[in-house]
């Protein structure tokens, strides 16, 4: 069996927590908006590179959490994070189109 640094650090920090997570398969329920949004944005990037509608993918993934009580930081809201994600996707598309122009 191979152990990762994270697994060893988890065990050293709290052996019981290590057992619950890695041996018993328990998962923590995460309520941090930034982490959940990052996962949604990752799905949107996948859609972008598959040449699908990345904005729609981001919206559908993030919409799952619209009415979920999440921990937002830095004055963020569900809507603000969606808007920023759409802007990032648009910027990515613009940067990509500039790279593909003939010189």
PDB file of N, CA and C in Angstrom:
ATOM      1  N   UNK A   1       0.844  -1.180   0.000  1.00  0.00           N
ATOM      2  CA  UNK A   1       0.000   0.000   0.000  1.00  0.00           C
ATOM      3  C   UNK A   1       0.887   1.240   0.000  1.00  0.00           C
ATOM      4  N   UNK A   2       0.519   2.230  -0.800  1.00  0.00           N
ATOM      5  CA  UNK A   2       1.257   3.486  -0.874  1.00  0.00           C
ATOM      6  C   UNK A   2       0.475   4.562  -0.145  1.00  0.00           C
ATOM      7  N   UNK A   3       1.176   5.356   0.639  1.00  0.00           N
ATOM      8  CA  UNK A   3       0.541   6.431   1.402  1.00  0.00           C
ATOM      9  C   UNK A   3       0.961   7.778   0.824  1.00  0.00           C
ATOM     10  N   UNK A   4       0.035   8.694   0.759  1.00  0.00           N
ATOM     11  CA  UNK A   4       0.351  10.039   0.297  1.00  0.00           C
ATOM     12  C   UNK A   4       0.752  10.906   1.493  1.00  0.00           C
ATOM     13  N   UNK A   5       1.349  12.044   1.162  1.00  0.00           N
ATOM     14  CA  UNK A   5       1.709  12.995   2.209  1.00  0.00           C
ATOM     15  C   UNK A   5       0.463  13.416   2.982  1.00  0.00           C
ATOM     16  N   UNK A   6      -0.630  13.646   2.271  1.00  0.00           N
ATOM     17  CA  UNK A   6      -1.876  14.076   2.908  1.00  0.00           C
ATOM     18  C   UNK A   6      -2.392  13.025   3.882  1.00  0.00           C
ATOM     19  N   UNK A   7      -2.325  11.764   3.484  1.00  0.00           N
ATOM     20  CA  UNK A   7      -2.787  10.695   4.365  1.00  0.00           C
ATOM     21  C   UNK A   7      -1.929  10.621   5.630  1.00  0.00           C
ATOM     22  N   UNK A   8      -0.617  10.715   5.471  1.00  0.00           N
ATOM     23  CA  UNK A   8       0.275  10.648   6.631  1.00  0.00           C
ATOM     24  C   UNK A   8       0.045  11.845   7.551  1.00  0.00           C
ATOM     25  N   UNK A   9      -0.078  13.039   6.958  1.00  0.00           N
ATOM     26  CA  UNK A   9      -0.325  14.237   7.757  1.00  0.00           C
ATOM     27  C   UNK A   9      -1.649  14.128   8.506  1.00  0.00           C
ATOM     28  N   UNK A  10      -2.670  13.584   7.841  1.00  0.00           N
ATOM     29  CA  UNK A  10      -3.974  13.391   8.482  1.00  0.00           C
ATOM     30  C   UNK A  10      -3.846  12.439   9.666  1.00  0.00           C
ATOM     31  N   UNK A  11      -3.112  11.354   9.477  1.00  0.00           N
ATOM     32  CA  UNK A  11      -2.937  10.382  10.557  1.00  0.00           C
ATOM     33  C   UNK A  11      -2.190  11.005  11.737  1.00  0.00           C
ATOM     34  N   UNK A  12      -1.143  11.755  11.443  1.00  0.00           N
ATOM     35  CA  UNK A  12      -0.370  12.377  12.522  1.00  0.00           C
ATOM     36  C   UNK A  12      -1.182  13.436  13.260  1.00  0.00           C
ATOM     37  N   UNK A  13      -2.059  14.120  12.536  1.00  0.00           N
ATOM     38  CA  UNK A  13      -2.889  15.141  13.155  1.00  0.00           C
ATOM     39  C   UNK A  13      -3.982  14.513  14.011  1.00  0.00           C
ATOM     40  N   UNK A  14      -4.623  13.448  13.476  1.00  0.00           N
ATOM     41  CA  UNK A  14      -5.719  12.832  14.212  1.00  0.00           C
ATOM     42  C   UNK A  14      -5.954  11.416  13.683  1.00  0.00           C
ATOM     43  N   UNK A  15      -5.438  10.389  14.358  1.00  0.00           N
ATOM     44  CA  UNK A  15      -5.589   9.017  13.889  1.00  0.00           C
ATOM     45  C   UNK A  15      -7.050   8.595  13.693  1.00  0.00           C
ATOM     46  N   UNK A  16      -7.933   9.051  14.548  1.00  0.00           N
ATOM     47  CA  UNK A  16      -9.340   8.680  14.412  1.00  0.00           C
ATOM     48  C   UNK A  16      -9.937   9.266  13.131  1.00  0.00           C
ATOM     49  N   UNK A  17      -9.606  10.516  12.848  1.00  0.00           N
ATOM     50  CA  UNK A  17     -10.078  11.156  11.628  1.00  0.00           C
ATOM     51  C   UNK A  17      -9.546  10.413  10.394  1.00  0.00           C
ATOM     52  N   UNK A  18      -8.285   9.993  10.472  1.00  0.00           N
ATOM     53  CA  UNK A  18      -7.698   9.211   9.376  1.00  0.00           C
ATOM     54  C   UNK A  18      -8.505   7.935   9.150  1.00  0.00           C
ATOM     55  N   UNK A  19      -8.813   7.245  10.244  1.00  0.00           N
ATOM     56  CA  UNK A  19      -9.576   6.001  10.129  1.00  0.00           C
ATOM     57  C   UNK A  19     -10.938   6.245   9.491  1.00  0.00           C
ATOM     58  N   UNK A  20     -11.639   7.272   9.953  1.00  0.00           N
ATOM     59  CA  UNK A  20     -12.960   7.558   9.403  1.00  0.00           C
ATOM     60  C   UNK A  20     -12.885   7.855   7.903  1.00  0.00           C
ATOM     61  N   UNK A  21     -11.889   8.644   7.523  1.00  0.00           N
ATOM     62  CA  UNK A  21     -11.809   9.081   6.126  1.00  0.00           C
ATOM     63  C   UNK A  21     -11.273   8.001   5.197  1.00  0.00           C
ATOM     64  N   UNK A  22     -10.130   7.428   5.539  1.00  0.00           N
ATOM     65  CA  UNK A  22      -9.451   6.541   4.600  1.00  0.00           C
ATOM     66  C   UNK A  22      -9.803   5.059   4.758  1.00  0.00           C
ATOM     67  N   UNK A  23     -10.138   4.643   5.944  1.00  0.00           N
ATOM     68  CA  UNK A  23     -10.464   3.234   6.142  1.00  0.00           C
ATOM     69  C   UNK A  23     -11.973   2.977   6.088  1.00  0.00           C
ATOM     70  N   UNK A  24     -12.753   3.887   6.702  1.00  0.00           N
ATOM     71  CA  UNK A  24     -14.203   3.708   6.734  1.00  0.00           C
ATOM     72  C   UNK A  24     -14.915   4.406   5.570  1.00  0.00           C
ATOM     73  N   UNK A  25     -14.199   5.273   4.839  1.00  0.00           N
ATOM     74  CA  UNK A  25     -14.766   5.918   3.660  1.00  0.00           C
ATOM     75  C   UNK A  25     -15.705   7.078   3.931  1.00  0.00           C
ATOM     76  N   UNK A  26     -15.662   7.655   5.120  1.00  0.00           N
ATOM     77  CA  UNK A  26     -16.522   8.791   5.415  1.00  0.00           C
ATOM     78  C   UNK A  26     -16.033  10.012   4.660  1.00  0.00           C
ATOM     79  N   UNK A  27     -16.956  10.885   4.275  1.00  0.00           N
ATOM     80  CA  UNK A  27     -16.600  12.140   3.624  1.00  0.00           C
ATOM     81  C   UNK A  27     -17.231  13.285   4.383  1.00  0.00           C
ATOM     82  N   UNK A  28     -16.457  14.357   4.526  1.00  0.00           N
ATOM     83  CA  UNK A  28     -16.981  15.545   5.191  1.00  0.00           C
ATOM     84  C   UNK A  28     -17.912  16.281   4.244  1.00  0.00           C
ATOM     85  N   UNK A  29     -18.969  16.828   4.807  1.00  0.00           N
ATOM     86  CA  UNK A  29     -19.858  17.664   4.019  1.00  0.00           C
ATOM     87  C   UNK A  29     -19.255  19.060   4.020  1.00  0.00           C
ATOM     88  N   UNK A  30     -18.929  19.540   2.842  1.00  0.00           N
ATOM     89  CA  UNK A  30     -18.279  20.837   2.746  1.00  0.00           C
ATOM     90  C   UNK A  30     -19.303  21.920   2.444  1.00  0.00           C
ATOM     91  N   UNK A  31     -19.196  23.016   3.163  1.00  0.00           N
ATOM     92  CA  UNK A  31     -20.130  24.118   2.954  1.00  0.00           C
ATOM     93  C   UNK A  31     -19.407  25.385   2.501  1.00  0.00           C
ATOM     94  N   UNK A  32     -18.133  25.243   2.103  1.00  0.00           N
ATOM     95  CA  UNK A  32     -17.393  26.407   1.627  1.00  0.00           C
ATOM     96  C   UNK A  32     -17.742  26.658   0.162  1.00  0.00           C
ATOM     97  N   UNK A  33     -18.301  27.820  -0.089  1.00  0.00           N
ATOM     98  CA  UNK A  33     -18.745  28.167  -1.439  1.00  0.00           C
ATOM     99  C   UNK A  33     -17.586  28.140  -2.426  1.00  0.00           C
ATOM    100  N   UNK A  34     -16.420  28.611  -2.010  1.00  0.00           N
ATOM    101  CA  UNK A  34     -15.287  28.666  -2.934  1.00  0.00           C
ATOM    102  C   UNK A  34     -14.873  27.276  -3.414  1.00  0.00           C
ATOM    103  N   UNK A  35     -14.872  26.312  -2.533  1.00  0.00           N
ATOM    104  CA  UNK A  35     -14.491  24.953  -2.920  1.00  0.00           C
ATOM    105  C   UNK A  35     -15.522  24.347  -3.870  1.00  0.00           C
ATOM    106  N   UNK A  36     -16.780  24.494  -3.535  1.00  0.00           N
ATOM    107  CA  UNK A  36     -17.839  23.941  -4.374  1.00  0.00           C
ATOM    108  C   UNK A  36     -17.890  24.643  -5.730  1.00  0.00           C
ATOM    109  N   UNK A  37     -17.700  25.965  -5.727  1.00  0.00           N
ATOM    110  CA  UNK A  37     -17.698  26.694  -6.982  1.00  0.00           C
ATOM    111  C   UNK A  37     -16.509  26.265  -7.845  1.00  0.00           C
ATOM    112  N   UNK A  38     -15.377  26.032  -7.224  1.00  0.00           N
ATOM    113  CA  UNK A  38     -14.207  25.561  -7.971  1.00  0.00           C
ATOM    114  C   UNK A  38     -14.483  24.255  -8.690  1.00  0.00           C
ATOM    115  N   UNK A  39     -15.184  23.359  -8.036  1.00  0.00           N
ATOM    116  CA  UNK A  39     -15.544  22.091  -8.675  1.00  0.00           C
ATOM    117  C   UNK A  39     -16.485  22.328  -9.859  1.00  0.00           C
ATOM    118  N   UNK A  40     -17.438  23.243  -9.686  1.00  0.00           N
ATOM    119  CA  UNK A  40     -18.367  23.575 -10.775  1.00  0.00           C
ATOM    120  C   UNK A  40     -17.622  24.220 -11.935  1.00  0.00           C
ATOM    121  N   UNK A  41     -16.687  25.108 -11.618  1.00  0.00           N
ATOM    122  CA  UNK A  41     -15.925  25.786 -12.660  1.00  0.00           C
ATOM    123  C   UNK A  41     -15.047  24.794 -13.415  1.00  0.00           C
ATOM    124  N   UNK A  42     -14.525  23.829 -12.720  1.00  0.00           N
ATOM    125  CA  UNK A  42     -13.733  22.781 -13.374  1.00  0.00           C
ATOM    126  C   UNK A  42     -14.585  22.027 -14.404  1.00  0.00           C
ATOM    127  N   UNK A  43     -15.827  21.752 -14.073  1.00  0.00           N
ATOM    128  CA  UNK A  43     -16.729  21.099 -15.025  1.00  0.00           C
ATOM    129  C   UNK A  43     -16.991  22.003 -16.231  1.00  0.00           C
ATOM    130  N   UNK A  44     -17.118  23.299 -15.972  1.00  0.00           N
ATOM    131  CA  UNK A  44     -17.341  24.255 -17.062  1.00  0.00           C
ATOM    132  C   UNK A  44     -16.125  24.320 -17.983  1.00  0.00           C
ATOM    133  N   UNK A  45     -14.935  24.256 -17.413  1.00  0.00           N
ATOM    134  CA  UNK A  45     -13.727  24.243 -18.245  1.00  0.00           C
ATOM    135  C   UNK A  45     -13.680  22.993 -19.117  1.00  0.00           C
ATOM    136  N   UNK A  46     -14.074  21.879 -18.543  1.00  0.00           N
ATOM    137  CA  UNK A  46     -14.147  20.652 -19.330  1.00  0.00           C
ATOM    138  C   UNK A  46     -15.093  20.817 -20.505  1.00  0.00           C
ATOM    139  N   UNK A  47     -16.240  21.444 -20.272  1.00  0.00           N
ATOM    140  CA  UNK A  47     -17.201  21.694 -21.346  1.00  0.00           C
ATOM    141  C   UNK A  47     -16.593  22.626 -22.388  1.00  0.00           C
ATOM    142  N   UNK A  48     -15.865  23.635 -21.945  1.00  0.00           N
ATOM    143  CA  UNK A  48     -15.233  24.578 -22.870  1.00  0.00           C
ATOM    144  C   UNK A  48     -14.289  23.847 -23.821  1.00  0.00           C
ATOM    145  N   UNK A  49     -13.445  22.991 -23.280  1.00  0.00           N
ATOM    146  CA  UNK A  49     -12.472  22.294 -24.111  1.00  0.00           C
ATOM    147  C   UNK A  49     -13.092  21.184 -24.957  1.00  0.00           C
ATOM    148  N   UNK A  50     -14.299  20.770 -24.599  1.00  0.00           N
ATOM    149  CA  UNK A  50     -15.040  19.830 -25.450  1.00  0.00           C
ATOM    150  C   UNK A  50     -15.878  20.591 -26.479  1.00  0.00           C
ATOM    151  N   UNK A  51     -15.727  21.914 -26.494  1.00  0.00           N
ATOM    152  CA  UNK A  51     -16.453  22.810 -27.407  1.00  0.00           C
ATOM    153  C   UNK A  51     -17.965  22.780 -27.169  1.00  0.00           C
ATOM    154  N   UNK A  52     -18.323  22.667 -25.891  1.00  0.00           N
ATOM    155  CA  UNK A  52     -19.720  22.739 -25.477  1.00  0.00           C
ATOM    156  C   UNK A  52     -19.959  24.113 -24.857  1.00  0.00           C
ATOM    157  N   UNK A  53     -21.175  24.412 -24.508  1.00  0.00           N
ATOM    158  CA  UNK A  53     -21.517  25.702 -23.899  1.00  0.00           C
ATOM    159  C   UNK A  53     -21.041  25.711 -22.439  1.00  0.00           C
ATOM    160  N   UNK A  54     -19.886  26.335 -22.217  1.00  0.00           N
ATOM    161  CA  UNK A  54     -19.292  26.319 -20.876  1.00  0.00           C
ATOM    162  C   UNK A  54     -20.092  27.162 -19.894  1.00  0.00           C
ATOM    163  N   UNK A  55     -20.706  28.249 -20.369  1.00  0.00           N
ATOM    164  CA  UNK A  55     -21.539  29.070 -19.485  1.00  0.00           C
ATOM    165  C   UNK A  55     -22.747  28.307 -18.982  1.00  0.00           C
ATOM    166  N   UNK A  56     -23.369  27.554 -19.873  1.00  0.00           N
ATOM    167  CA  UNK A  56     -24.520  26.737 -19.472  1.00  0.00           C
ATOM    168  C   UNK A  56     -24.086  25.633 -18.516  1.00  0.00           C
ATOM    169  N   UNK A  57     -22.912  25.065 -18.771  1.00  0.00           N
ATOM    170  CA  UNK A  57     -22.402  24.016 -17.878  1.00  0.00           C
ATOM    171  C   UNK A  57     -22.142  24.579 -16.489  1.00  0.00           C
ATOM    172  N   UNK A  58     -21.536  25.769 -16.440  1.00  0.00           N
ATOM    173  CA  UNK A  58     -21.271  26.397 -15.144  1.00  0.00           C
ATOM    174  C   UNK A  58     -22.585  26.679 -14.420  1.00  0.00           C
ATOM    175  N   UNK A  59     -23.543  27.241 -15.139  1.00  0.00           N
ATOM    176  CA  UNK A  59     -24.819  27.560 -14.504  1.00  0.00           C
ATOM    177  C   UNK A  59     -25.503  26.308 -13.973  1.00  0.00           C
ATOM    178  N   UNK A  60     -25.553  25.243 -14.770  1.00  0.00           N
ATOM    179  CA  UNK A  60     -26.269  24.040 -14.329  1.00  0.00           C
ATOM    180  C   UNK A  60     -25.575  23.382 -13.139  1.00  0.00           C
ATOM    181  N   UNK A  61     -24.244  23.382 -13.136  1.00  0.00           N
ATOM    182  CA  UNK A  61     -23.514  22.792 -12.001  1.00  0.00           C
ATOM    183  C   UNK A  61     -23.674  23.650 -10.742  1.00  0.00           C
ATOM    184  N   UNK A  62     -23.560  24.957 -10.881  1.00  0.00           N
ATOM    185  CA  UNK A  62     -23.615  25.871  -9.740  1.00  0.00           C
ATOM    186  C   UNK A  62     -25.040  26.033  -9.235  1.00  0.00           C
ATOM    187  N   UNK A  63     -26.031  25.858 -10.103  1.00  0.00           N
ATOM    188  CA  UNK A  63     -27.439  26.001  -9.709  1.00  0.00           C
ATOM    189  C   UNK A  63     -27.836  24.987  -8.642  1.00  0.00           C
ATOM    190  N   UNK A  64     -27.151  23.881  -8.591  1.00  0.00           N
ATOM    191  CA  UNK A  64     -27.422  22.862  -7.567  1.00  0.00           C
ATOM    192  C   UNK A  64     -27.301  23.460  -6.164  1.00  0.00           C
ATOM    193  N   UNK A  65     -26.413  24.451  -6.013  1.00  0.00           N
ATOM    194  CA  UNK A  65     -26.124  25.015  -4.692  1.00  0.00           C
ATOM    195  C   UNK A  65     -26.832  26.348  -4.432  1.00  0.00           C
ATOM    196  N   UNK A  66     -27.709  26.769  -5.335  1.00  0.00           N
ATOM    197  CA  UNK A  66     -28.337  28.094  -5.207  1.00  0.00           C
ATOM    198  C   UNK A  66     -29.067  28.278  -3.880  1.00  0.00           C
ATOM    199  N   UNK A  67     -29.809  27.295  -3.443  1.00  0.00           N
ATOM    200  CA  UNK A  67     -30.580  27.418  -2.201  1.00  0.00           C
ATOM    201  C   UNK A  67     -29.939  26.689  -1.025  1.00  0.00           C
ATOM    202  N   UNK A  68     -28.692  26.288  -1.201  1.00  0.00           N
ATOM    203  CA  UNK A  68     -27.967  25.597  -0.139  1.00  0.00           C
ATOM    204  C   UNK A  68     -27.278  26.630   0.749  1.00  0.00           C
ATOM    205  N   UNK A  69     -27.393  26.504   2.054  1.00  0.00           N
ATOM    206  CA  UNK A  69     -26.672  27.450   2.917  1.00  0.00           C
ATOM    207  C   UNK A  69     -25.168  27.172   2.849  1.00  0.00           C
ATOM    208  N   UNK A  70     -24.435  28.102   2.260  1.00  0.00           N
ATOM    209  CA  UNK A  70     -22.994  27.955   2.100  1.00  0.00           C
ATOM    210  C   UNK A  70     -22.260  29.052   2.855  1.00  0.00           C
ATOM    211  N   UNK A  71     -21.002  28.803   3.123  1.00  0.00           N
ATOM    212  CA  UNK A  71     -20.144  29.802   3.761  1.00  0.00           C
ATOM    213  C   UNK A  71     -19.444  30.596   2.666  1.00  0.00           C
ATOM    214  N   UNK A  72     -19.877  31.841   2.477  1.00  0.00           N
ATOM    215  CA  UNK A  72     -19.275  32.720   1.480  1.00  0.00           C
ATOM    216  C   UNK A  72     -18.236  33.599   2.154  1.00  0.00           C
ATOM    217  N   UNK A  73     -17.188  33.939   1.423  1.00  0.00           N
ATOM    218  CA  UNK A  73     -16.164  34.820   1.978  1.00  0.00           C
ATOM    219  C   UNK A  73     -16.005  36.043   1.088  1.00  0.00           C
ATOM    220  N   UNK A  74     -15.413  37.077   1.641  1.00  0.00           N
ATOM    221  CA  UNK A  74     -15.088  38.307   0.909  1.00  0.00           C
ATOM    222  C   UNK A  74     -16.318  38.956   0.270  1.00  0.00           C
ATOM    223  N   UNK A  75     -17.454  38.881   0.922  1.00  0.00           N
ATOM    224  CA  UNK A  75     -18.657  39.512   0.410  1.00  0.00           C
ATOM    225  C   UNK A  75     -19.261  38.834  -0.804  1.00  0.00           C
ATOM    226  N   UNK A  76     -18.843  37.613  -1.082  1.00  0.00           N
ATOM    227  CA  UNK A  76     -19.374  36.890  -2.234  1.00  0.00           C
ATOM    228  C   UNK A  76     -20.808  36.454  -1.989  1.00  0.00           C
ATOM    229  N   UNK A  77     -21.519  36.256  -3.070  1.00  0.00           N
ATOM    230  CA  UNK A  77     -22.863  35.676  -3.062  1.00  0.00           C
ATOM    231  C   UNK A  77     -22.912  34.648  -4.182  1.00  0.00           C
ATOM    232  N   UNK A  78     -23.981  33.890  -4.217  1.00  0.00           N
ATOM    233  CA  UNK A  78     -24.131  32.894  -5.278  1.00  0.00           C
ATOM    234  C   UNK A  78     -24.088  33.580  -6.639  1.00  0.00           C
ATOM    235  N   UNK A  79     -24.853  34.667  -6.787  1.00  0.00           N
ATOM    236  CA  UNK A  79     -24.940  35.382  -8.056  1.00  0.00           C
ATOM    237  C   UNK A  79     -23.603  35.996  -8.452  1.00  0.00           C
ATOM    238  N   UNK A  80     -22.930  36.596  -7.487  1.00  0.00           N
ATOM    239  CA  UNK A  80     -21.640  37.246  -7.781  1.00  0.00           C
ATOM    240  C   UNK A  80     -20.616  36.222  -8.253  1.00  0.00           C
ATOM    241  N   UNK A  81     -20.582  35.076  -7.623  1.00  0.00           N
ATOM    242  CA  UNK A  81     -19.627  34.050  -8.026  1.00  0.00           C
ATOM    243  C   UNK A  81     -19.956  33.533  -9.428  1.00  0.00           C
ATOM    244  N   UNK A  82     -21.242  33.365  -9.726  1.00  0.00           N
ATOM    245  CA  UNK A  82     -21.629  32.938 -11.067  1.00  0.00           C
ATOM    246  C   UNK A  82     -21.189  33.967 -12.099  1.00  0.00           C
ATOM    247  N   UNK A  83     -21.449  35.235 -11.820  1.00  0.00           N
ATOM    248  CA  UNK A  83     -21.078  36.309 -12.736  1.00  0.00           C
ATOM    249  C   UNK A  83     -19.570  36.326 -12.981  1.00  0.00           C
ATOM    250  N   UNK A  84     -18.784  36.168 -11.920  1.00  0.00           N
ATOM    251  CA  UNK A  84     -17.329  36.150 -12.059  1.00  0.00           C
ATOM    252  C   UNK A  84     -16.873  34.932 -12.868  1.00  0.00           C
ATOM    253  N   UNK A  85     -17.518  33.805 -12.655  1.00  0.00           N
ATOM    254  CA  UNK A  85     -17.175  32.605 -13.411  1.00  0.00           C
ATOM    255  C   UNK A  85     -17.451  32.771 -14.887  1.00  0.00           C
ATOM    256  N   UNK A  86     -18.598  33.375 -15.225  1.00  0.00           N
ATOM    257  CA  UNK A  86     -18.942  33.634 -16.627  1.00  0.00           C
ATOM    258  C   UNK A  86     -17.914  34.587 -17.244  1.00  0.00           C
ATOM    259  N   UNK A  87     -17.525  35.615 -16.491  1.00  0.00           N
ATOM    260  CA  UNK A  87     -16.520  36.563 -16.991  1.00  0.00           C
ATOM    261  C   UNK A  87     -15.184  35.869 -17.243  1.00  0.00           C
ATOM    262  N   UNK A  88     -14.799  34.974 -16.354  1.00  0.00           N
ATOM    263  CA  UNK A  88     -13.553  34.233 -16.563  1.00  0.00           C
ATOM    264  C   UNK A  88     -13.623  33.354 -17.805  1.00  0.00           C
ATOM    265  N   UNK A  89     -14.745  32.711 -18.019  1.00  0.00           N
ATOM    266  CA  UNK A  89     -14.910  31.882 -19.212  1.00  0.00           C
ATOM    267  C   UNK A  89     -14.872  32.730 -20.479  1.00  0.00           C
ATOM    268  N   UNK A  90     -15.501  33.901 -20.436  1.00  0.00           N
ATOM    269  CA  UNK A  90     -15.469  34.800 -21.591  1.00  0.00           C
ATOM    270  C   UNK A  90     -14.050  35.275 -21.871  1.00  0.00           C
ATOM    271  N   UNK A  91     -13.319  35.583 -20.821  1.00  0.00           N
ATOM    272  CA  UNK A  91     -11.927  36.025 -20.991  1.00  0.00           C
ATOM    273  C   UNK A  91     -11.066  34.911 -21.568  1.00  0.00           C
ATOM    274  N   UNK A  92     -11.300  33.699 -21.118  1.00  0.00           N
ATOM    275  CA  UNK A  92     -10.567  32.558 -21.666  1.00  0.00           C
ATOM    276  C   UNK A  92     -10.842  32.424 -23.158  1.00  0.00           C
ATOM    277  N   UNK A  93     -12.098  32.557 -23.547  1.00  0.00           N
ATOM    278  CA  UNK A  93     -12.469  32.449 -24.959  1.00  0.00           C
ATOM    279  C   UNK A  93     -11.819  33.564 -25.775  1.00  0.00           C
ATOM    280  N   UNK A  94     -11.771  34.783 -25.230  1.00  0.00           N
ATOM    281  CA  UNK A  94     -11.126  35.895 -25.930  1.00  0.00           C
ATOM    282  C   UNK A  94      -9.632  35.647 -26.089  1.00  0.00           C
ATOM    283  N   UNK A  95      -8.983  35.208 -25.028  1.00  0.00           N
ATOM    284  CA  UNK A  95      -7.545  34.927 -25.094  1.00  0.00           C
ATOM    285  C   UNK A  95      -7.248  33.830 -26.103  1.00  0.00           C
ATOM    286  N   UNK A  96      -8.084  32.810 -26.127  1.00  0.00           N
ATOM    287  CA  UNK A  96      -7.898  31.714 -27.079  1.00  0.00           C
ATOM    288  C   UNK A  96      -8.078  32.194 -28.515  1.00  0.00           C
ATOM    289  N   UNK A  97      -9.048  33.080 -28.739  1.00  0.00           N
ATOM    290  CA  UNK A  97      -9.287  33.557 -30.109  1.00  0.00           C
ATOM    291  C   UNK A  97      -8.121  34.421 -30.588  1.00  0.00           C
ATOM    292  N   UNK A  98      -7.490  35.167 -29.684  1.00  0.00           N
ATOM    293  CA  UNK A  98      -6.331  35.974 -30.060  1.00  0.00           C
ATOM    294  C   UNK A  98      -5.121  35.095 -30.393  1.00  0.00           C
ATOM    295  N   UNK A  99      -5.002  33.989 -29.729  1.00  0.00           N
ATOM    296  CA  UNK A  99      -3.885  33.080 -29.998  1.00  0.00           C
ATOM    297  C   UNK A  99      -4.020  32.391 -31.349  1.00  0.00           C
ATOM    298  N   UNK A 100      -5.249  32.235 -31.801  1.00  0.00           N
ATOM    299  CA  UNK A 100      -5.494  31.511 -33.048  1.00  0.00           C
ATOM    300  C   UNK A 100      -5.527  32.415 -34.272  1.00  0.00           C
ATOM    301  N   UNK A 101      -5.304  33.712 -34.087  1.00  0.00           N
ATOM    302  CA  UNK A 101      -5.308  34.612 -35.235  1.00  0.00           C
ATOM    303  C   UNK A 101      -4.028  34.422 -36.060  1.00  0.00           C
ATOM    304  N   UNK A 102      -4.139  34.486 -37.391  1.00  0.00           N
ATOM    305  CA  UNK A 102      -2.931  34.371 -38.218  1.00  0.00           C
ATOM    306  C   UNK A 102      -2.078  35.616 -38.059  1.00  0.00           C
ATOM    307  N   UNK A 103      -0.783  35.441 -38.103  1.00  0.00           N
ATOM    308  CA  UNK A 103       0.141  36.597 -37.939  1.00  0.00           C
ATOM    309  C   UNK A 103       0.738  37.007 -39.244  1.00  0.00           C
TER     310      UNK A 103
END
